[in-house]
Structures are given as C-alpha cells and as structure tokens.
PDB file of N, CA and C in Angstrom:
ATOM      1  N   UNK A   1       0.845  -1.165   0.000  1.00  0.00           N
ATOM      2  CA  UNK A   1       0.000   0.000   0.000  1.00  0.00           C
ATOM      3  C   UNK A   1       0.895   1.235   0.000  1.00  0.00           C
ATOM      4  N   UNK A   2       0.600   2.143  -0.907  1.00  0.00           N
ATOM      5  CA  UNK A   2       1.387   3.365  -0.999  1.00  0.00           C
ATOM      6  C   UNK A   2       1.030   4.314   0.138  1.00  0.00           C
ATOM      7  N   UNK A   3       1.953   5.228   0.409  1.00  0.00           N
ATOM      8  CA  UNK A   3       1.729   6.185   1.481  1.00  0.00           C
ATOM      9  C   UNK A   3       0.524   7.076   1.180  1.00  0.00           C
ATOM     10  N   UNK A   4       0.351   7.440  -0.100  1.00  0.00           N
ATOM     11  CA  UNK A   4      -0.775   8.285  -0.484  1.00  0.00           C
ATOM     12  C   UNK A   4      -2.100   7.566  -0.236  1.00  0.00           C
ATOM     13  N   UNK A   5      -2.156   6.277  -0.552  1.00  0.00           N
ATOM     14  CA  UNK A   5      -3.377   5.505  -0.321  1.00  0.00           C
ATOM     15  C   UNK A   5      -3.665   5.347   1.170  1.00  0.00           C
ATOM     16  N   UNK A   6      -2.630   5.150   1.962  1.00  0.00           N
ATOM     17  CA  UNK A   6      -2.808   5.018   3.404  1.00  0.00           C
ATOM     18  C   UNK A   6      -3.313   6.325   4.013  1.00  0.00           C
ATOM     19  N   UNK A   7      -2.772   7.443   3.548  1.00  0.00           N
ATOM     20  CA  UNK A   7      -3.236   8.743   4.027  1.00  0.00           C
ATOM     21  C   UNK A   7      -4.697   8.958   3.651  1.00  0.00           C
ATOM     22  N   UNK A   8      -5.051   8.620   2.409  1.00  0.00           N
ATOM     23  CA  UNK A   8      -6.439   8.757   1.968  1.00  0.00           C
ATOM     24  C   UNK A   8      -7.368   7.893   2.808  1.00  0.00           C
ATOM     25  N   UNK A   9      -6.979   6.661   3.070  1.00  0.00           N
ATOM     26  CA  UNK A   9      -7.813   5.760   3.859  1.00  0.00           C
ATOM     27  C   UNK A   9      -7.991   6.280   5.280  1.00  0.00           C
ATOM     28  N   UNK A  10      -6.929   6.775   5.885  1.00  0.00           N
ATOM     29  CA  UNK A  10      -7.011   7.295   7.247  1.00  0.00           C
ATOM     30  C   UNK A  10      -7.940   8.500   7.323  1.00  0.00           C
ATOM     31  N   UNK A  11      -7.767   9.435   6.404  1.00  0.00           N
ATOM     32  CA  UNK A  11      -8.625  10.624   6.389  1.00  0.00           C
ATOM     33  C   UNK A  11     -10.071  10.233   6.102  1.00  0.00           C
ATOM     34  N   UNK A  12     -10.278   9.303   5.174  1.00  0.00           N
ATOM     35  CA  UNK A  12     -11.631   8.867   4.840  1.00  0.00           C
ATOM     36  C   UNK A  12     -12.304   8.178   6.023  1.00  0.00           C
ATOM     37  N   UNK A  13     -11.569   7.374   6.776  1.00  0.00           N
ATOM     38  CA  UNK A  13     -12.146   6.713   7.949  1.00  0.00           C
ATOM     39  C   UNK A  13     -12.525   7.722   9.026  1.00  0.00           C
ATOM     40  N   UNK A  14     -11.665   8.698   9.252  1.00  0.00           N
ATOM     41  CA  UNK A  14     -11.958   9.724  10.258  1.00  0.00           C
ATOM     42  C   UNK A  14     -13.176  10.542   9.846  1.00  0.00           C
ATOM     43  N   UNK A  15     -13.214  10.968   8.574  1.00  0.00           N
ATOM     44  CA  UNK A  15     -14.362  11.737   8.099  1.00  0.00           C
ATOM     45  C   UNK A  15     -15.640  10.904   8.109  1.00  0.00           C
ATOM     46  N   UNK A  16     -15.531   9.620   7.780  1.00  0.00           N
ATOM     47  CA  UNK A  16     -16.701   8.747   7.829  1.00  0.00           C
ATOM     48  C   UNK A  16     -17.260   8.627   9.234  1.00  0.00           C
ATOM     49  N   UNK A  17     -16.387   8.510  10.216  1.00  0.00           N
ATOM     50  CA  UNK A  17     -16.841   8.418  11.605  1.00  0.00           C
ATOM     51  C   UNK A  17     -17.481   9.727  12.065  1.00  0.00           C
ATOM     52  N   UNK A  18     -16.872  10.855  11.691  1.00  0.00           N
ATOM     53  CA  UNK A  18     -17.411  12.157  12.095  1.00  0.00           C
ATOM     54  C   UNK A  18     -18.760  12.408  11.435  1.00  0.00           C
ATOM     55  N   UNK A  19     -18.820  12.215  10.123  1.00  0.00           N
ATOM     56  CA  UNK A  19     -20.076  12.457   9.414  1.00  0.00           C
ATOM     57  C   UNK A  19     -21.159  11.462   9.823  1.00  0.00           C
ATOM     58  N   UNK A  20     -20.776  10.224  10.098  1.00  0.00           N
ATOM     59  CA  UNK A  20     -21.747   9.241  10.563  1.00  0.00           C
ATOM     60  C   UNK A  20     -22.340   9.620  11.909  1.00  0.00           C
ATOM     61  N   UNK A  21     -21.510  10.100  12.808  1.00  0.00           N
ATOM     62  CA  UNK A  21     -22.016  10.559  14.099  1.00  0.00           C
ATOM     63  C   UNK A  21     -22.943  11.749  13.955  1.00  0.00           C
ATOM     64  N   UNK A  22     -22.583  12.666  13.062  1.00  0.00           N
ATOM     65  CA  UNK A  22     -23.417  13.842  12.820  1.00  0.00           C
ATOM     66  C   UNK A  22     -24.756  13.443  12.199  1.00  0.00           C
ATOM     67  N   UNK A  23     -24.726  12.563  11.215  1.00  0.00           N
ATOM     68  CA  UNK A  23     -25.960  12.096  10.577  1.00  0.00           C
ATOM     69  C   UNK A  23     -26.834  11.352  11.584  1.00  0.00           C
ATOM     70  N   UNK A  24     -26.227  10.545  12.439  1.00  0.00           N
ATOM     71  CA  UNK A  24     -26.989   9.837  13.465  1.00  0.00           C
ATOM     72  C   UNK A  24     -27.684  10.782  14.427  1.00  0.00           C
ATOM     73  N   UNK A  25     -26.991  11.828  14.835  1.00  0.00           N
ATOM     74  CA  UNK A  25     -27.601  12.805  15.736  1.00  0.00           C
ATOM     75  C   UNK A  25     -28.722  13.572  15.043  1.00  0.00           C
ATOM     76  N   UNK A  26     -28.523  13.938  13.780  1.00  0.00           N
ATOM     77  CA  UNK A  26     -29.567  14.655  13.039  1.00  0.00           C
ATOM     78  C   UNK A  26     -30.779  13.756  12.823  1.00  0.00           C
ATOM     79  N   UNK A  27     -30.542  12.502  12.453  1.00  0.00           N
ATOM     80  CA  UNK A  27     -31.658  11.565  12.280  1.00  0.00           C
ATOM     81  C   UNK A  27     -32.420  11.382  13.586  1.00  0.00           C
ATOM     82  N   UNK A  28     -31.706  11.357  14.693  1.00  0.00           N
ATOM     83  CA  UNK A  28     -32.341  11.163  15.989  1.00  0.00           C
ATOM     84  C   UNK A  28     -33.269  12.292  16.384  1.00  0.00           C
ATOM     85  N   UNK A  29     -33.002  13.507  15.891  1.00  0.00           N
ATOM     86  CA  UNK A  29     -33.886  14.622  16.231  1.00  0.00           C
ATOM     87  C   UNK A  29     -35.214  14.540  15.493  1.00  0.00           C
ATOM     88  N   UNK A  30     -35.235  13.899  14.333  1.00  0.00           N
ATOM     89  CA  UNK A  30     -36.454  13.830  13.538  1.00  0.00           C
ATOM     90  C   UNK A  30     -37.240  12.533  13.729  1.00  0.00           C
ATOM     91  N   UNK A  31     -36.633  11.522  14.288  1.00  0.00           N
ATOM     92  CA  UNK A  31     -37.314  10.239  14.464  1.00  0.00           C
ATOM     93  C   UNK A  31     -38.215  10.264  15.694  1.00  0.00           C
ATOM     94  N   UNK A  32     -39.341   9.552  15.643  1.00  0.00           N
ATOM     95  CA  UNK A  32     -40.178   9.445  16.839  1.00  0.00           C
ATOM     96  C   UNK A  32     -39.509   8.527  17.866  1.00  0.00           C
ATOM     97  N   UNK A  33     -39.985   8.614  19.097  1.00  0.00           N
ATOM     98  CA  UNK A  33     -39.420   7.770  20.152  1.00  0.00           C
ATOM     99  C   UNK A  33     -39.591   6.302  19.795  1.00  0.00           C
ATOM    100  N   UNK A  34     -38.545   5.538  20.023  1.00  0.00           N
ATOM    101  CA  UNK A  34     -38.594   4.113  19.737  1.00  0.00           C
ATOM    102  C   UNK A  34     -37.202   3.543  19.617  1.00  0.00           C
ATOM    103  N   UNK A  35     -37.152   2.317  19.139  1.00  0.00           N
ATOM    104  CA  UNK A  35     -35.884   1.592  19.069  1.00  0.00           C
ATOM    105  C   UNK A  35     -34.922   2.199  18.054  1.00  0.00           C
ATOM    106  N   UNK A  36     -35.443   2.667  16.924  1.00  0.00           N
ATOM    107  CA  UNK A  36     -34.566   3.225  15.892  1.00  0.00           C
ATOM    108  C   UNK A  36     -33.931   4.525  16.375  1.00  0.00           C
ATOM    109  N   UNK A  37     -34.689   5.343  17.084  1.00  0.00           N
ATOM    110  CA  UNK A  37     -34.130   6.584  17.621  1.00  0.00           C
ATOM    111  C   UNK A  37     -33.031   6.282  18.635  1.00  0.00           C
ATOM    112  N   UNK A  38     -33.261   5.311  19.475  1.00  0.00           N
ATOM    113  CA  UNK A  38     -32.245   4.927  20.454  1.00  0.00           C
ATOM    114  C   UNK A  38     -31.003   4.402  19.746  1.00  0.00           C
ATOM    115  N   UNK A  39     -31.208   3.609  18.702  1.00  0.00           N
ATOM    116  CA  UNK A  39     -30.087   3.052  17.949  1.00  0.00           C
ATOM    117  C   UNK A  39     -29.257   4.150  17.286  1.00  0.00           C
ATOM    118  N   UNK A  40     -29.912   5.193  16.802  1.00  0.00           N
ATOM    119  CA  UNK A  40     -29.193   6.271  16.111  1.00  0.00           C
ATOM    120  C   UNK A  40     -28.525   7.246  17.067  1.00  0.00           C
ATOM    121  N   UNK A  41     -29.144   7.499  18.205  1.00  0.00           N
ATOM    122  CA  UNK A  41     -28.637   8.561  19.070  1.00  0.00           C
ATOM    123  C   UNK A  41     -27.753   8.080  20.211  1.00  0.00           C
ATOM    124  N   UNK A  42     -27.954   6.876  20.693  1.00  0.00           N
ATOM    125  CA  UNK A  42     -27.138   6.392  21.805  1.00  0.00           C
ATOM    126  C   UNK A  42     -25.710   6.148  21.333  1.00  0.00           C
ATOM    127  N   UNK A  43     -24.775   6.598  22.123  1.00  0.00           N
ATOM    128  CA  UNK A  43     -23.369   6.393  21.783  1.00  0.00           C
ATOM    129  C   UNK A  43     -22.614   5.988  23.041  1.00  0.00           C
ATOM    130  N   UNK A  44     -21.466   5.398  22.833  1.00  0.00           N
ATOM    131  CA  UNK A  44     -20.612   5.098  23.973  1.00  0.00           C
ATOM    132  C   UNK A  44     -19.272   5.781  23.758  1.00  0.00           C
ATOM    133  N   UNK A  45     -18.679   6.158  24.859  1.00  0.00           N
ATOM    134  CA  UNK A  45     -17.453   6.948  24.832  1.00  0.00           C
ATOM    135  C   UNK A  45     -16.249   6.060  25.096  1.00  0.00           C
ATOM    136  N   UNK A  46     -15.224   6.264  24.287  1.00  0.00           N
ATOM    137  CA  UNK A  46     -13.948   5.581  24.470  1.00  0.00           C
ATOM    138  C   UNK A  46     -12.889   6.663  24.610  1.00  0.00           C
ATOM    139  N   UNK A  47     -12.076   6.559  25.624  1.00  0.00           N
ATOM    140  CA  UNK A  47     -11.010   7.536  25.794  1.00  0.00           C
ATOM    141  C   UNK A  47     -10.853   7.919  27.248  1.00  0.00           C
ATOM    142  N   UNK A  48     -10.244   9.060  27.444  1.00  0.00           N
ATOM    143  CA  UNK A  48     -10.060   9.549  28.799  1.00  0.00           C
ATOM    144  C   UNK A  48     -10.395  11.028  28.845  1.00  0.00           C
ATOM    145  N   UNK A  49     -10.884  11.443  29.998  1.00  0.00           N
ATOM    146  CA  UNK A  49     -11.279  12.834  30.188  1.00  0.00           C
ATOM    147  C   UNK A  49     -10.045  13.735  30.169  1.00  0.00           C
ATOM    148  N   UNK A  50     -10.221  14.981  29.821  1.00  0.00           N
ATOM    149  CA  UNK A  50      -9.078  15.889  29.790  1.00  0.00           C
ATOM    150  C   UNK A  50      -8.482  16.103  31.185  1.00  0.00           C
ATOM    151  N   UNK A  51      -7.183  16.172  31.217  1.00  0.00           N
ATOM    152  CA  UNK A  51      -6.525  16.519  32.467  1.00  0.00           C
ATOM    153  C   UNK A  51      -5.610  17.706  32.202  1.00  0.00           C
ATOM    154  N   UNK A  52      -5.394  18.485  33.222  1.00  0.00           N
ATOM    155  CA  UNK A  52      -4.641  19.725  33.058  1.00  0.00           C
ATOM    156  C   UNK A  52      -3.426  19.732  33.973  1.00  0.00           C
ATOM    157  N   UNK A  53      -2.336  20.231  33.442  1.00  0.00           N
ATOM    158  CA  UNK A  53      -1.129  20.489  34.215  1.00  0.00           C
ATOM    159  C   UNK A  53      -0.988  22.000  34.263  1.00  0.00           C
ATOM    160  N   UNK A  54      -1.123  22.549  35.445  1.00  0.00           N
ATOM    161  CA  UNK A  54      -1.089  23.998  35.589  1.00  0.00           C
ATOM    162  C   UNK A  54       0.222  24.405  36.240  1.00  0.00           C
ATOM    163  N   UNK A  55       1.055  25.014  35.446  1.00  0.00           N
ATOM    164  CA  UNK A  55       2.298  25.571  35.947  1.00  0.00           C
ATOM    165  C   UNK A  55       2.100  27.066  36.155  1.00  0.00           C
ATOM    166  N   UNK A  56       3.124  27.731  36.577  1.00  0.00           N
ATOM    167  CA  UNK A  56       2.977  29.149  36.893  1.00  0.00           C
ATOM    168  C   UNK A  56       2.567  29.969  35.672  1.00  0.00           C
ATOM    169  N   UNK A  57       3.231  29.764  34.549  1.00  0.00           N
ATOM    170  CA  UNK A  57       2.974  30.579  33.365  1.00  0.00           C
ATOM    171  C   UNK A  57       2.316  29.799  32.228  1.00  0.00           C
ATOM    172  N   UNK A  58       2.232  28.482  32.356  1.00  0.00           N
ATOM    173  CA  UNK A  58       1.739  27.656  31.257  1.00  0.00           C
ATOM    174  C   UNK A  58       0.686  26.687  31.786  1.00  0.00           C
ATOM    175  N   UNK A  59      -0.406  26.579  31.062  1.00  0.00           N
ATOM    176  CA  UNK A  59      -1.411  25.548  31.329  1.00  0.00           C
ATOM    177  C   UNK A  59      -1.384  24.569  30.173  1.00  0.00           C
ATOM    178  N   UNK A  60      -1.337  23.279  30.485  1.00  0.00           N
ATOM    179  CA  UNK A  60      -1.277  22.234  29.475  1.00  0.00           C
ATOM    180  C   UNK A  60      -2.441  21.286  29.717  1.00  0.00           C
ATOM    181  N   UNK A  61      -3.285  21.111  28.706  1.00  0.00           N
ATOM    182  CA  UNK A  61      -4.445  20.237  28.823  1.00  0.00           C
ATOM    183  C   UNK A  61      -4.381  19.174  27.742  1.00  0.00           C
ATOM    184  N   UNK A  62      -4.659  17.920  28.132  1.00  0.00           N
ATOM    185  CA  UNK A  62      -4.626  16.814  27.191  1.00  0.00           C
ATOM    186  C   UNK A  62      -5.825  15.910  27.449  1.00  0.00           C
ATOM    187  N   UNK A  63      -6.494  15.520  26.372  1.00  0.00           N
ATOM    188  CA  UNK A  63      -7.627  14.615  26.502  1.00  0.00           C
ATOM    189  C   UNK A  63      -8.020  14.055  25.147  1.00  0.00           C
ATOM    190  N   UNK A  64      -8.625  12.881  25.161  1.00  0.00           N
ATOM    191  CA  UNK A  64      -9.090  12.245  23.935  1.00  0.00           C
ATOM    192  C   UNK A  64     -10.360  11.477  24.262  1.00  0.00           C
ATOM    193  N   UNK A  65     -11.424  11.750  23.512  1.00  0.00           N
ATOM    194  CA  UNK A  65     -12.691  11.079  23.739  1.00  0.00           C
ATOM    195  C   UNK A  65     -13.359  10.821  22.398  1.00  0.00           C
ATOM    196  N   UNK A  66     -13.641   9.565  22.115  1.00  0.00           N
ATOM    197  CA  UNK A  66     -14.317   9.181  20.886  1.00  0.00           C
ATOM    198  C   UNK A  66     -15.744   8.771  21.229  1.00  0.00           C
ATOM    199  N   UNK A  67     -16.726   9.413  20.573  1.00  0.00           N
ATOM    200  CA  UNK A  67     -18.129   9.040  20.743  1.00  0.00           C
ATOM    201  C   UNK A  67     -18.526   8.217  19.528  1.00  0.00           C
ATOM    202  N   UNK A  68     -18.897   6.974  19.765  1.00  0.00           N
ATOM    203  CA  UNK A  68     -19.219   6.068  18.670  1.00  0.00           C
ATOM    204  C   UNK A  68     -20.692   5.683  18.777  1.00  0.00           C
ATOM    205  N   UNK A  69     -21.429   5.878  17.668  1.00  0.00           N
ATOM    206  CA  UNK A  69     -22.806   5.406  17.615  1.00  0.00           C
ATOM    207  C   UNK A  69     -22.971   4.465  16.425  1.00  0.00           C
ATOM    208  N   UNK A  70     -24.155   3.919  16.284  1.00  0.00           N
ATOM    209  CA  UNK A  70     -24.409   2.905  15.257  1.00  0.00           C
ATOM    210  C   UNK A  70     -24.202   3.456  13.848  1.00  0.00           C
ATOM    211  N   UNK A  71     -24.663   4.665  13.592  1.00  0.00           N
ATOM    212  CA  UNK A  71     -24.555   5.237  12.248  1.00  0.00           C
ATOM    213  C   UNK A  71     -23.097   5.521  11.902  1.00  0.00           C
ATOM    214  N   UNK A  72     -22.289   5.929  12.861  1.00  0.00           N
ATOM    215  CA  UNK A  72     -20.871   6.159  12.569  1.00  0.00           C
ATOM    216  C   UNK A  72     -20.161   4.848  12.240  1.00  0.00           C
ATOM    217  N   UNK A  73     -20.550   3.761  12.894  1.00  0.00           N
ATOM    218  CA  UNK A  73     -19.970   2.454  12.566  1.00  0.00           C
ATOM    219  C   UNK A  73     -20.372   2.040  11.152  1.00  0.00           C
ATOM    220  N   UNK A  74     -21.637   2.255  10.789  1.00  0.00           N
ATOM    221  CA  UNK A  74     -22.098   1.937   9.434  1.00  0.00           C
ATOM    222  C   UNK A  74     -21.336   2.760   8.399  1.00  0.00           C
ATOM    223  N   UNK A  75     -21.119   4.039   8.666  1.00  0.00           N
ATOM    224  CA  UNK A  75     -20.384   4.889   7.720  1.00  0.00           C
ATOM    225  C   UNK A  75     -18.932   4.442   7.579  1.00  0.00           C
ATOM    226  N   UNK A  76     -18.305   4.049   8.661  1.00  0.00           N
ATOM    227  CA  UNK A  76     -16.927   3.550   8.582  1.00  0.00           C
ATOM    228  C   UNK A  76     -16.883   2.261   7.762  1.00  0.00           C
ATOM    229  N   UNK A  77     -17.852   1.382   7.955  1.00  0.00           N
ATOM    230  CA  UNK A  77     -17.906   0.154   7.156  1.00  0.00           C
ATOM    231  C   UNK A  77     -18.136   0.458   5.679  1.00  0.00           C
ATOM    232  N   UNK A  78     -18.945   1.469   5.376  1.00  0.00           N
ATOM    233  CA  UNK A  78     -19.142   1.877   3.982  1.00  0.00           C
ATOM    234  C   UNK A  78     -17.861   2.436   3.371  1.00  0.00           C
ATOM    235  N   UNK A  79     -17.097   3.191   4.151  1.00  0.00           N
ATOM    236  CA  UNK A  79     -15.814   3.713   3.658  1.00  0.00           C
ATOM    237  C   UNK A  79     -14.860   2.564   3.362  1.00  0.00           C
ATOM    238  N   UNK A  80     -14.816   1.571   4.235  1.00  0.00           N
ATOM    239  CA  UNK A  80     -13.943   0.414   4.006  1.00  0.00           C
ATOM    240  C   UNK A  80     -14.380  -0.346   2.760  1.00  0.00           C
ATOM    241  N   UNK A  81     -15.690  -0.540   2.585  1.00  0.00           N
ATOM    242  CA  UNK A  81     -16.184  -1.236   1.393  1.00  0.00           C
ATOM    243  C   UNK A  81     -15.865  -0.442   0.134  1.00  0.00           C
ATOM    244  N   UNK A  82     -16.027   0.872   0.178  1.00  0.00           N
ATOM    245  CA  UNK A  82     -15.697   1.726  -0.967  1.00  0.00           C
ATOM    246  C   UNK A  82     -14.212   1.633  -1.292  1.00  0.00           C
ATOM    247  N   UNK A  83     -13.387   1.665  -0.277  1.00  0.00           N
ATOM    248  CA  UNK A  83     -11.942   1.590  -0.491  1.00  0.00           C
ATOM    249  C   UNK A  83     -11.559   0.250  -1.112  1.00  0.00           C
ATOM    250  N   UNK A  84     -12.117  -0.829  -0.590  1.00  0.00           N
ATOM    251  CA  UNK A  84     -11.799  -2.155  -1.139  1.00  0.00           C
ATOM    252  C   UNK A  84     -12.309  -2.295  -2.568  1.00  0.00           C
ATOM    253  N   UNK A  85     -13.450  -1.700  -2.874  1.00  0.00           N
ATOM    254  CA  UNK A  85     -14.027  -1.799  -4.206  1.00  0.00           C
ATOM    255  C   UNK A  85     -13.181  -1.063  -5.236  1.00  0.00           C
ATOM    256  N   UNK A  86     -12.694   0.135  -4.909  1.00  0.00           N
ATOM    257  CA  UNK A  86     -12.012   0.974  -5.890  1.00  0.00           C
ATOM    258  C   UNK A  86     -10.497   0.895  -5.842  1.00  0.00           C
ATOM    259  N   UNK A  87      -9.909   0.546  -4.714  1.00  0.00           N
ATOM    260  CA  UNK A  87      -8.455   0.651  -4.590  1.00  0.00           C
ATOM    261  C   UNK A  87      -7.742  -0.681  -4.420  1.00  0.00           C
ATOM    262  N   UNK A  88      -8.454  -1.765  -4.198  1.00  0.00           N
ATOM    263  CA  UNK A  88      -7.769  -3.056  -4.044  1.00  0.00           C
ATOM    264  C   UNK A  88      -8.197  -3.985  -5.155  1.00  0.00           C
TER     265      UNK A  88
END
C-alpha cells in the first residue's frame, strides 16, 4: 500500500466516523421515540477525560474522547467497502 493511499484511507475513515455521528444525531432529532431513535442517538465513549497540568505561566491540557454510535460504525464500514471496491 502506498503512502498516499494510506493517508487517503485514514482521512476517509476519520471523516466517515465524524459524518456518521453527525448524521446519526440529526436523524435522531427527527425520528419518533422508539428503538430506531435509540439506535441512532445512543453512543458510547472511548477515551479519557481531559486533564490539566497547571504551571505558573503555562497551562497544558490533554484529553481524547471518541463518541461512537451505530450510524458512525455503518459509515466507517461503507468507507472500508468503498476503499476495497475501488483501490484493491
């Protein structure tokens, strides 16, 4: 795999996850209460909360939190299928 293809795949996976999460949240606002709304809007968090190191003149904060819902997983799988279809 070339470096250009790997960069494209990484960016595409990240954008797929972000857009999938956004689409899931938007769909959840328009859906009536029920199982599909829960499936689209419920997410689980992976990562750690931000922590801060406060020195006299410098504040340093570090944190990483990934919110994953069903639609973002579907979008990532679609990106992988698209990549395999066109690039492999």
